[in-house]
Amino acid sequence: MEQSELTNAIKAKVKLYHKDTVTQYQHLHQHPELSFEEKSTSEYIEKRLNGWGIEYRSHIGGFGILACIKGQNPTSRTIALRADMDALPITEQNPVSFKSENEGVMHACGHDTHTASLLSAVRIINDLKDSFEGTILFIFQPGEEKHPGGASLMLKDGIFDTYKPDIIIGQHAYVDYPVGTVGFEAGVIMASADEVHIKIKGKGGHGAIPHEANDTVLAASQLIVSMQQIVSRRSNPFKPCVLTFGKFIADGATNIIPNEVTLAGSLRCMDEEERNKLKPIIKEIAISTAKAYGCQCDIEVYDGYPCTYNNEQVTATAKSFAIEYLGEDKVLGLPKRMTSEDFGFFSQEYPCTFYRYGIMGMQHCTGLHTPTFLIDEEALRTSVGTITYLALRYCNP
């Protein structure tokens, strides 16, 4: 199929199925489920796939699903498309008819739009399966928002034992770009994320006689200050990293030094080598600082998500295809972020690209992970059409 024919065919299908895409999105938004609890969501996806006669495997790494559509010469190339489907522990405040029915749970990160878009991409690609060569896989992934990450569990559970992708493409809603636009960037685009959990233990006592105690609060305070020198003096300034502590629990009183203080934080790195270098330094400084105050330190640095890496060639090609489909003025660059994504697990093993699509339009759109996050539904035309075009264009060289 010629490029212009493919573009017109996809745009016609996107228009034809847009109402259904919105229905899918609103259903998912109204029935959100937390990470690794996506039972009803996966059942909804399976119902749609069954209705369209799509081959799939379920319960991969939990509630994960891998669907498959084969075109002509199916072994010639394999393209995988990924959408995450979990929600967040947030109480929704949007005054809409499809507001979350699950108290304290909300799709505040756009995963409902990712899943609805991929479902419609499945439907369109199935309609056009006689027009492309190769195999296209559709990953419906659980647990992106929670350690250890659904992507890692699906990989461990053999998601690609039968079909090994040549490339994997992911997309994400983006509040800073207007409807109709997408953004691409090559290289490391999102940071790794590792959790740091610390307990400072000592002999507590009366605040008026600290010399008879081991001041766990002072030790923990100095530990946090010392940790910031890791970023300023021990890390490579050309390889960005952030070390932040957001939890400090010293359950004493105005005149009580507690026996134990609990700390928790996060290490973010844009380079895997730097990440591996800094983790043991964190342990070293924590233990030695606590010891200097006569305290004991229990510390765990849990491996989290790796950096999300966009393969240069795959990303350049995807960006050029997006320009063909949307027009050059609609395809933008993309700022790098110190936030993380478990898509990084895929990107460490396969050539990948992870891009974003704008959702800011007539509907007021607040930030991700907020109680009033909501997309402009016109953005679904772009999310469905772009990921469908990228897949079919790769399969129509």
Protein backbone atom coordinates (compact mmCIF):
# COMPACT_ATOMS: atom_id res chain seq x y z
CA MET A 1 0.00 0.00 0.00
CA GLU A 2 1.36 3.43 -0.95
CA GLN A 3 2.09 5.96 1.79
CA SER A 4 -0.78 8.26 0.83
CA GLU A 5 -3.19 5.32 0.60
CA LEU A 6 -2.09 4.09 4.03
CA THR A 7 -2.51 7.55 5.57
CA ASN A 8 -5.98 7.97 4.10
CA ALA A 9 -7.05 4.46 5.08
CA ILE A 10 -5.96 4.92 8.70
CA LYS A 11 -7.50 8.38 9.03
CA ALA A 12 -10.77 7.06 7.68
CA LYS A 13 -10.75 4.20 10.19
CA VAL A 14 -9.82 6.52 13.06
CA LYS A 15 -12.80 8.70 12.19
CA LEU A 16 -15.09 5.68 11.80
CA TYR A 17 -14.16 4.23 15.20
CA HIS A 18 -13.64 7.45 17.15
CA LYS A 19 -16.96 7.23 18.98
CA ASP A 20 -16.11 3.68 20.02
CA THR A 21 -12.63 4.76 21.13
CA VAL A 22 -14.21 7.41 23.36
CA THR A 23 -16.60 4.80 24.76
CA GLN A 24 -13.66 2.52 25.58
CA TYR A 25 -11.78 5.38 27.21
CA GLN A 26 -14.75 6.48 29.32
CA HIS A 27 -15.46 2.90 30.44
CA LEU A 28 -11.86 2.41 31.53
CA HIS A 29 -11.79 5.82 33.22
CA GLN A 30 -14.96 5.00 35.13
CA HIS A 31 -13.65 1.60 36.31
CA PRO A 32 -10.00 2.15 37.31
CA GLU A 33 -7.97 -0.51 39.09
CA LEU A 34 -4.73 -0.23 41.02
CA SER A 35 -1.44 -1.79 39.94
CA PHE A 36 -1.55 -5.61 39.77
CA GLU A 37 -5.30 -5.56 40.51
CA GLU A 38 -6.45 -5.01 36.90
CA LYS A 39 -8.76 -8.04 36.73
CA SER A 40 -11.84 -6.26 35.36
CA THR A 41 -9.73 -4.17 33.01
CA SER A 42 -8.10 -7.27 31.51
CA GLU A 43 -11.50 -8.96 31.20
CA TYR A 44 -12.79 -5.91 29.32
CA ILE A 45 -9.82 -6.04 26.95
CA GLU A 46 -10.29 -9.77 26.38
CA LYS A 47 -13.97 -9.23 25.62
CA ARG A 48 -13.08 -6.71 22.92
CA LEU A 49 -10.37 -8.93 21.46
CA ASN A 50 -12.69 -11.93 21.40
CA GLY A 51 -15.34 -9.89 19.63
CA TRP A 52 -12.88 -9.02 16.87
CA GLY A 53 -11.48 -12.55 16.62
CA ILE A 54 -7.97 -11.57 17.72
CA GLU A 55 -5.39 -14.13 18.84
CA TYR A 56 -4.01 -13.42 22.34
CA ARG A 57 -2.44 -14.78 25.52
CA SER A 58 -3.58 -13.61 28.95
CA HIS A 59 -2.29 -13.64 32.55
CA ILE A 60 1.28 -12.78 31.61
CA GLY A 61 3.10 -11.31 34.59
CA GLY A 62 -0.24 -11.00 36.38
CA PHE A 63 -3.09 -9.56 34.32
CA GLY A 64 -0.96 -8.78 31.27
CA ILE A 65 -2.17 -9.60 27.75
CA LEU A 66 -0.28 -10.06 24.50
CA ALA A 67 -2.42 -9.90 21.34
CA CYS A 68 -1.15 -10.74 17.89
CA ILE A 69 -2.14 -9.96 14.29
CA LYS A 70 -0.28 -11.54 11.39
CA GLY A 71 -0.04 -9.93 8.00
CA GLN A 72 1.48 -11.29 4.82
CA ASN A 73 4.83 -13.09 5.27
CA PRO A 74 4.44 -12.96 9.08
CA THR A 75 8.03 -13.97 9.91
CA SER A 76 9.57 -11.07 7.95
CA ARG A 77 9.42 -8.60 10.87
CA THR A 78 7.74 -8.23 14.25
CA ILE A 79 6.61 -4.92 15.73
CA ALA A 80 5.28 -4.62 19.30
CA LEU A 81 3.03 -1.81 20.59
CA ARG A 82 2.63 -1.28 24.33
CA ALA A 83 -0.04 0.30 26.56
CA ASP A 84 -0.16 0.26 30.37
CA MET A 85 -3.52 -0.10 32.09
CA ASP A 86 -3.23 0.52 35.86
CA ALA A 87 -4.59 3.49 37.80
CA LEU A 88 -3.48 5.46 40.89
CA PRO A 89 -4.63 5.74 44.54
CA ILE A 90 -6.20 9.18 44.04
CA THR A 91 -9.79 10.34 44.65
CA GLU A 92 -11.14 11.91 41.46
CA GLN A 93 -12.62 15.42 41.57
CA ASN A 94 -13.75 15.79 37.94
CA PRO A 95 -17.48 16.61 37.50
CA VAL A 96 -18.00 14.23 34.56
CA SER A 97 -20.57 11.52 33.92
CA PHE A 98 -17.84 8.88 33.67
CA LYS A 99 -16.13 9.82 36.93
CA SER A 100 -14.39 6.95 38.73
CA GLU A 101 -16.78 4.58 40.48
CA ASN A 102 -13.96 3.07 42.56
CA GLU A 103 -13.52 5.29 45.60
CA GLY A 104 -9.94 6.41 46.06
CA VAL A 105 -8.80 5.05 42.68
CA MET A 106 -8.42 7.14 39.55
CA HIS A 107 -6.86 7.12 36.09
CA ALA A 108 -4.79 10.23 36.71
CA CYS A 109 -1.88 9.37 34.41
CA GLY A 110 -3.64 8.65 31.11
CA HIS A 111 -3.30 4.88 31.16
CA ASP A 112 -6.99 4.65 30.27
CA THR A 113 -6.22 6.60 27.09
CA HIS A 114 -3.24 4.37 26.32
CA THR A 115 -5.33 1.20 26.60
CA ALA A 116 -8.33 2.58 24.72
CA SER A 117 -6.03 3.80 21.94
CA LEU A 118 -4.26 0.46 21.61
CA LEU A 119 -7.59 -1.37 21.47
CA SER A 120 -8.68 0.80 18.54
CA ALA A 121 -5.28 0.29 16.91
CA VAL A 122 -5.89 -3.47 17.16
CA ARG A 123 -9.24 -3.05 15.44
CA ILE A 124 -7.88 -0.90 12.61
CA ILE A 125 -4.82 -3.08 12.00
CA ASN A 126 -7.04 -6.16 11.95
CA ASP A 127 -9.18 -4.47 9.29
CA LEU A 128 -6.03 -3.78 7.25
CA LYS A 129 -4.15 -7.03 7.91
CA ASP A 130 -4.04 -7.92 4.21
CA SER A 131 -2.11 -4.73 3.48
CA PHE A 132 1.09 -5.27 5.50
CA GLU A 133 3.92 -7.74 5.93
CA GLY A 134 5.03 -9.13 9.26
CA THR A 135 3.52 -9.62 12.70
CA ILE A 136 2.24 -6.90 15.03
CA LEU A 137 2.04 -7.53 18.77
CA PHE A 138 -0.08 -5.58 21.25
CA ILE A 139 1.10 -5.45 24.86
CA PHE A 140 -1.53 -4.58 27.47
CA GLN A 141 0.63 -4.20 30.56
CA PRO A 142 -0.31 -4.16 34.24
CA GLY A 143 1.46 -2.47 37.12
CA GLU A 144 3.45 0.38 35.57
CA GLU A 145 2.98 2.57 38.62
CA LYS A 146 4.27 0.12 41.23
CA HIS A 147 7.52 -1.71 41.95
CA PRO A 148 8.71 -4.09 40.52
CA GLY A 149 6.89 -2.92 37.37
CA GLY A 150 4.61 -4.96 35.15
CA ALA A 151 7.04 -4.76 32.23
CA SER A 152 9.71 -6.62 34.21
CA LEU A 153 7.20 -9.27 35.29
CA MET A 154 5.91 -9.80 31.74
CA LEU A 155 9.48 -10.21 30.50
CA LYS A 156 10.25 -12.73 33.27
CA ASP A 157 7.03 -14.56 32.41
CA GLY A 158 8.18 -15.12 28.82
CA ILE A 159 6.03 -12.60 26.97
CA PHE A 160 8.27 -12.87 23.91
CA ASP A 161 8.95 -16.61 24.01
CA THR A 162 6.95 -17.15 20.81
CA TYR A 163 7.34 -13.81 19.04
CA LYS A 164 10.51 -11.74 19.47
CA PRO A 165 9.99 -8.09 18.47
CA ASP A 166 12.40 -6.26 16.21
CA ILE A 167 11.22 -3.02 17.80
CA ILE A 168 8.82 -1.94 20.56
CA ILE A 169 6.84 1.31 20.48
CA GLY A 170 5.20 2.97 23.48
CA GLN A 171 3.22 6.20 23.78
CA HIS A 172 2.11 8.36 26.69
CA ALA A 173 -0.32 11.24 27.23
CA TYR A 174 1.42 14.62 27.63
CA VAL A 175 -0.26 17.55 29.37
CA ASP A 176 2.18 20.19 28.06
CA TYR A 177 1.44 19.67 24.35
CA PRO A 178 -1.79 20.56 22.54
CA VAL A 179 -4.12 18.07 20.96
CA GLY A 180 -2.93 16.92 17.55
CA THR A 181 0.79 17.00 18.35
CA VAL A 182 3.37 14.37 19.29
CA GLY A 183 6.90 14.60 20.65
CA PHE A 184 10.00 12.46 20.02
CA GLU A 185 13.51 12.46 21.46
CA ALA A 186 16.37 9.97 21.01
CA GLY A 187 18.69 8.62 23.69
CA VAL A 188 17.95 8.38 27.40
CA ILE A 189 14.69 10.30 27.89
CA MET A 190 13.66 9.21 31.40
CA ALA A 191 15.65 8.40 34.51
CA SER A 192 16.10 5.21 36.43
CA ALA A 193 14.34 5.05 39.81
CA ASP A 194 15.67 3.16 42.83
CA GLU A 195 14.19 3.25 46.34
CA VAL A 196 16.30 3.95 49.42
CA HIS A 197 14.95 2.75 52.79
CA ILE A 198 16.88 3.52 55.98
CA LYS A 199 16.40 2.92 59.71
CA ILE A 200 18.65 4.73 62.18
CA LYS A 201 18.70 2.88 65.52
CA GLY A 202 20.16 4.08 68.79
CA LYS A 203 19.54 4.57 72.48
CA GLY A 204 16.77 7.09 72.88
CA GLY A 205 16.17 9.16 75.95
CA HIS A 206 15.24 12.46 77.51
CA GLY A 207 15.76 15.47 75.29
CA ALA A 208 17.28 17.41 78.18
CA ILE A 209 20.12 14.91 78.66
CA PRO A 210 21.21 14.00 75.10
CA HIS A 211 24.68 12.99 76.29
CA GLU A 212 23.12 9.91 77.84
CA ALA A 213 21.48 8.92 74.54
CA ASN A 214 22.44 8.39 70.92
CA ASP A 215 20.62 11.14 69.06
CA THR A 216 18.96 9.27 66.20
CA VAL A 217 17.22 12.42 64.97
CA LEU A 218 20.47 14.33 64.65
CA ALA A 219 22.13 11.34 62.99
CA ALA A 220 19.29 11.04 60.47
CA SER A 221 19.33 14.78 59.78
CA GLN A 222 23.07 14.76 59.15
CA LEU A 223 22.68 11.68 56.99
CA ILE A 224 20.27 13.49 54.65
CA VAL A 225 22.60 16.49 54.42
CA SER A 226 25.57 14.21 53.73
CA MET A 227 23.63 12.38 51.05
CA GLN A 228 23.27 15.57 49.03
CA GLN A 229 27.03 15.65 48.64
CA ILE A 230 26.73 12.47 46.61
CA VAL A 231 25.03 14.49 43.90
CA SER A 232 27.27 17.55 44.23
CA ARG A 233 30.64 15.83 44.73
CA ARG A 234 30.53 12.11 43.96
CA SER A 235 28.50 12.02 40.76
CA ASN A 236 29.57 13.01 37.25
CA PRO A 237 28.07 16.49 36.59
CA PHE A 238 27.57 15.55 32.92
CA LYS A 239 25.36 12.62 33.94
CA PRO A 240 22.31 14.05 35.76
CA CYS A 241 21.08 12.44 38.93
CA VAL A 242 18.71 13.38 41.77
CA LEU A 243 18.61 11.97 45.30
CA THR A 244 15.49 13.00 47.24
CA PHE A 245 14.19 11.95 50.64
CA GLY A 246 10.46 12.46 51.10
CA LYS A 247 9.94 10.42 54.26
CA PHE A 248 11.41 11.25 57.68
CA ILE A 249 9.67 9.71 60.69
CA ALA A 250 11.04 10.45 64.15
CA ASP A 251 8.23 9.44 66.47
CA GLY A 252 9.49 11.17 69.59
CA ALA A 253 8.28 14.35 71.26
CA THR A 254 9.55 17.77 72.30
CA ASN A 255 11.53 16.14 75.09
CA ILE A 256 11.94 12.60 73.77
CA ILE A 257 14.70 11.30 71.49
CA PRO A 258 13.26 8.16 69.83
CA ASN A 259 15.11 4.88 69.60
CA GLU A 260 14.52 4.72 65.87
CA VAL A 261 14.14 7.07 62.90
CA THR A 262 12.87 5.94 59.51
CA LEU A 263 13.88 7.53 56.20
CA ALA A 264 12.87 6.77 52.63
CA GLY A 265 13.90 8.35 49.36
CA SER A 266 14.54 7.89 45.68
CA LEU A 267 17.64 7.89 43.50
CA ARG A 268 17.13 9.01 39.89
CA CYS A 269 19.88 8.68 37.28
CA MET A 270 20.09 9.30 33.54
CA ASP A 271 22.98 6.86 33.09
CA GLU A 272 23.07 3.19 34.06
CA GLU A 273 26.79 3.19 34.90
CA GLU A 274 26.36 6.20 37.17
CA ARG A 275 23.38 4.52 38.79
CA ASN A 276 25.42 1.40 39.59
CA LYS A 277 28.27 3.54 40.93
CA LEU A 278 26.14 5.64 43.29
CA LYS A 279 24.07 2.92 44.97
CA PRO A 280 26.95 1.47 47.05
CA ILE A 281 28.11 5.01 47.91
CA ILE A 282 24.68 5.72 49.41
CA LYS A 283 25.03 2.67 51.65
CA GLU A 284 28.58 3.60 52.63
CA ILE A 285 27.68 7.16 53.67
CA ALA A 286 24.54 6.07 55.52
CA ILE A 287 26.34 3.46 57.62
CA SER A 288 29.38 5.63 58.38
CA THR A 289 27.30 8.71 59.27
CA ALA A 290 25.13 6.73 61.67
CA LYS A 291 28.23 5.19 63.25
CA ALA A 292 29.76 8.65 63.82
CA TYR A 293 26.76 9.44 66.07
CA GLY A 294 26.92 6.13 67.90
CA CYS A 295 23.95 4.75 66.00
CA GLN A 296 23.30 1.70 63.87
CA CYS A 297 22.03 1.94 60.29
CA ASP A 298 19.90 -0.62 58.46
CA ILE A 299 19.70 0.32 54.78
CA GLU A 300 18.24 -1.23 51.66
CA VAL A 301 18.57 0.22 48.16
CA TYR A 302 15.99 -1.59 46.07
CA ASP A 303 16.53 -1.87 42.34
CA GLY A 304 13.70 -0.07 40.59
CA TYR A 305 13.14 0.92 36.97
CA PRO A 306 16.08 1.35 34.60
CA CYS A 307 16.56 4.35 32.33
CA THR A 308 14.18 4.58 29.40
CA TYR A 309 16.33 4.58 26.30
CA ASN A 310 15.06 5.54 22.84
CA ASN A 311 17.10 3.86 20.15
CA GLU A 312 18.47 6.58 17.86
CA GLN A 313 17.68 4.87 14.55
CA VAL A 314 14.26 3.59 15.60
CA THR A 315 13.30 7.02 16.99
CA ALA A 316 14.50 8.91 13.93
CA THR A 317 12.51 6.59 11.68
CA ALA A 318 9.41 6.81 13.87
CA LYS A 319 9.63 10.60 13.91
CA SER A 320 9.87 10.71 10.11
CA PHE A 321 6.82 8.43 9.86
CA ALA A 322 4.89 10.64 12.28
CA ILE A 323 5.70 13.64 10.09
CA GLU A 324 4.29 11.77 7.10
CA TYR A 325 1.06 11.09 8.98
CA LEU A 326 0.54 14.30 10.97
CA GLY A 327 2.58 16.93 9.14
CA GLU A 328 5.90 18.46 10.18
CA ASP A 329 4.36 21.22 12.29
CA LYS A 330 2.64 18.63 14.50
CA VAL A 331 5.77 16.63 15.34
CA LEU A 332 7.86 18.22 18.09
CA GLY A 333 10.89 17.46 20.22
CA LEU A 334 10.52 16.15 23.75
CA PRO A 335 12.16 17.36 26.98
CA LYS A 336 14.06 14.75 28.96
CA ARG A 337 12.62 14.02 32.39
CA MET A 338 13.92 12.77 35.73
CA THR A 339 10.69 10.83 36.16
CA SER A 340 10.77 7.13 35.35
CA GLU A 341 8.83 4.54 33.36
CA ASP A 342 8.96 0.77 33.53
CA PHE A 343 9.00 0.83 29.71
CA GLY A 344 12.71 1.13 30.50
CA PHE A 345 12.80 -2.64 31.05
CA PHE A 346 11.77 -3.15 27.42
CA SER A 347 14.19 -0.50 26.19
CA GLN A 348 17.15 -2.17 27.89
CA GLU A 349 16.54 -5.39 25.95
CA TYR A 350 15.02 -4.38 22.59
CA PRO A 351 15.28 -1.44 20.17
CA CYS A 352 12.53 0.90 21.34
CA THR A 353 11.01 4.31 21.04
CA PHE A 354 8.72 5.97 23.58
CA TYR A 355 6.94 9.15 22.47
CA ARG A 356 4.23 11.40 23.85
CA TYR A 357 1.00 12.83 22.42
CA GLY A 358 -0.61 16.11 23.41
CA ILE A 359 -3.88 16.04 25.36
CA MET A 360 -4.33 19.75 26.10
CA GLY A 361 -7.37 21.20 24.33
CA MET A 362 -10.77 22.68 25.13
CA GLN A 363 -11.02 20.46 28.21
CA HIS A 364 -9.08 21.96 31.13
CA CYS A 365 -6.14 19.63 31.69
CA THR A 366 -4.30 19.64 35.01
CA GLY A 367 -1.04 17.82 35.72
CA LEU A 368 -0.47 14.11 35.82
CA HIS A 369 -1.22 12.39 39.14
CA THR A 370 -3.68 15.10 40.23
CA PRO A 371 -7.38 14.65 41.21
CA THR A 372 -8.54 16.81 38.29
CA PHE A 373 -6.46 15.27 35.51
CA LEU A 374 -8.60 14.83 32.38
CA ILE A 375 -7.82 14.71 28.67
CA ASP A 376 -9.46 16.41 25.74
CA GLU A 377 -11.02 13.45 23.95
CA GLU A 378 -9.99 14.79 20.54
CA ALA A 379 -6.48 13.68 21.53
CA LEU A 380 -7.61 10.08 21.02
CA ARG A 381 -7.67 10.64 17.26
CA THR A 382 -3.95 11.41 17.37
CA SER A 383 -3.02 8.61 19.79
CA VAL A 384 -4.90 5.96 17.81
CA GLY A 385 -3.85 7.15 14.37
CA THR A 386 -0.18 7.75 15.13
CA ILE A 387 0.60 4.42 16.78
CA THR A 388 -1.36 2.59 14.08
CA TYR A 389 0.48 4.42 11.31
CA LEU A 390 3.90 3.80 12.88
CA ALA A 391 3.24 0.06 13.11
CA LEU A 392 1.85 -0.32 9.59
CA ARG A 393 4.47 1.98 8.08
CA TYR A 394 7.25 -0.14 9.61
CA CYS A 395 5.54 -3.13 8.02
CA ASN A 396 5.27 -1.40 4.63
CA PRO A 397 8.92 -0.48 3.90
